[in-house]
Amino acid sequence: MAASTTSLPEHPGTGRKWDYRFCWVRDSYYVMTALSHIGHFEEMEKYASYIANITQ
């Protein structure tokens, strides 16, 4: 689930390509697990919904 912009320059006119506008499935698992462990179930459900909607 990486964004199509992952290899664009960080700023216009620069050669740096440190663009982190993507989300790995593995990292989503860690985010949702952390939210669950700290009791933020509503945020976890919203994040899961967001991921499900962008993957369609």
C-alpha atoms as a PDB file:
ATOM      1  CA  MET A   1       0.000   0.000   0.000  1.00  0.00           C
ATOM      2  CA  ALA A   2       2.569   2.549  -0.964  1.00  0.00           C
ATOM      3  CA  ALA A   3       1.554   5.883  -2.416  1.00  0.00           C
ATOM      4  CA  SER A   4       2.418   6.595  -6.021  1.00  0.00           C
ATOM      5  CA  THR A   5       4.433   9.593  -4.826  1.00  0.00           C
ATOM      6  CA  THR A   6       7.071   7.630  -2.922  1.00  0.00           C
ATOM      7  CA  SER A   7       9.891   8.498  -5.322  1.00  0.00           C
ATOM      8  CA  LEU A   8       9.192  12.185  -5.907  1.00  0.00           C
ATOM      9  CA  PRO A   9      11.737  14.690  -4.584  1.00  0.00           C
ATOM     10  CA  GLU A  10      11.201  15.835  -1.025  1.00  0.00           C
ATOM     11  CA  HIS A  11      11.073  19.460  -2.213  1.00  0.00           C
ATOM     12  CA  PRO A  12      10.735  20.804  -5.772  1.00  0.00           C
ATOM     13  CA  GLY A  13      14.128  21.309  -7.388  1.00  0.00           C
ATOM     14  CA  THR A  14      16.019  19.045  -5.001  1.00  0.00           C
ATOM     15  CA  GLY A  15      17.471  15.626  -5.651  1.00  0.00           C
ATOM     16  CA  ARG A  16      16.580  14.231  -2.255  1.00  0.00           C
ATOM     17  CA  LYS A  17      14.006  11.501  -2.360  1.00  0.00           C
ATOM     18  CA  TRP A  18      13.155  11.119   1.293  1.00  0.00           C
ATOM     19  CA  ASP A  19       9.438  10.973   0.770  1.00  0.00           C
ATOM     20  CA  TYR A  20       7.660   8.841   3.344  1.00  0.00           C
ATOM     21  CA  ARG A  21       4.059   9.191   2.164  1.00  0.00           C
ATOM     22  CA  PHE A  22       3.330   5.491   2.231  1.00  0.00           C
ATOM     23  CA  CYS A  23       2.119   2.906   4.679  1.00  0.00           C
ATOM     24  CA  TRP A  24       3.439  -0.623   4.849  1.00  0.00           C
ATOM     25  CA  VAL A  25       0.969  -3.312   5.872  1.00  0.00           C
ATOM     26  CA  ARG A  26       3.416  -4.494   8.544  1.00  0.00           C
ATOM     27  CA  ASP A  27       3.553  -1.015  10.077  1.00  0.00           C
ATOM     28  CA  SER A  28      -0.240  -0.782  10.082  1.00  0.00           C
ATOM     29  CA  TYR A  29      -0.330  -3.948  12.160  1.00  0.00           C
ATOM     30  CA  TYR A  30       2.052  -2.391  14.705  1.00  0.00           C
ATOM     31  CA  VAL A  31       0.008   0.815  14.870  1.00  0.00           C
ATOM     32  CA  MET A  32      -3.236  -1.053  15.417  1.00  0.00           C
ATOM     33  CA  THR A  33      -1.659  -3.341  18.019  1.00  0.00           C
ATOM     34  CA  ALA A  34      -0.266  -0.348  19.923  1.00  0.00           C
ATOM     35  CA  LEU A  35      -3.625   1.439  19.824  1.00  0.00           C
ATOM     36  CA  SER A  36      -5.312  -1.709  21.110  1.00  0.00           C
ATOM     37  CA  HIS A  37      -2.822  -2.133  23.964  1.00  0.00           C
ATOM     38  CA  ILE A  38      -3.354   1.412  25.198  1.00  0.00           C
ATOM     39  CA  GLY A  39      -7.131   1.139  24.942  1.00  0.00           C
ATOM     40  CA  HIS A  40      -7.718   3.501  22.023  1.00  0.00           C
ATOM     41  CA  PHE A  41     -10.266   1.243  20.333  1.00  0.00           C
ATOM     42  CA  GLU A  42     -12.158   3.976  18.488  1.00  0.00           C
ATOM     43  CA  GLU A  43      -8.937   5.280  16.919  1.00  0.00           C
ATOM     44  CA  MET A  44      -7.915   1.713  16.072  1.00  0.00           C
ATOM     45  CA  GLU A  45     -11.233   1.103  14.297  1.00  0.00           C
ATOM     46  CA  LYS A  46     -10.962   4.387  12.388  1.00  0.00           C
ATOM     47  CA  TYR A  47      -7.418   3.552  11.291  1.00  0.00           C
ATOM     48  CA  ALA A  48      -8.459   0.042  10.213  1.00  0.00           C
ATOM     49  CA  SER A  49     -11.347   1.538   8.244  1.00  0.00           C
ATOM     50  CA  TYR A  50      -9.014   4.036   6.580  1.00  0.00           C
ATOM     51  CA  ILE A  51      -6.590   1.283   5.541  1.00  0.00           C
ATOM     52  CA  ALA A  52      -9.438  -0.885   4.252  1.00  0.00           C
ATOM     53  CA  ASN A  53     -10.852   1.987   2.200  1.00  0.00           C
ATOM     54  CA  ILE A  54      -7.573   2.932   0.517  1.00  0.00           C
ATOM     55  CA  THR A  55      -6.777  -0.643  -0.467  1.00  0.00           C
ATOM     56  CA  GLN A  56      -9.905  -1.105  -2.549  1.00  0.00           C
END
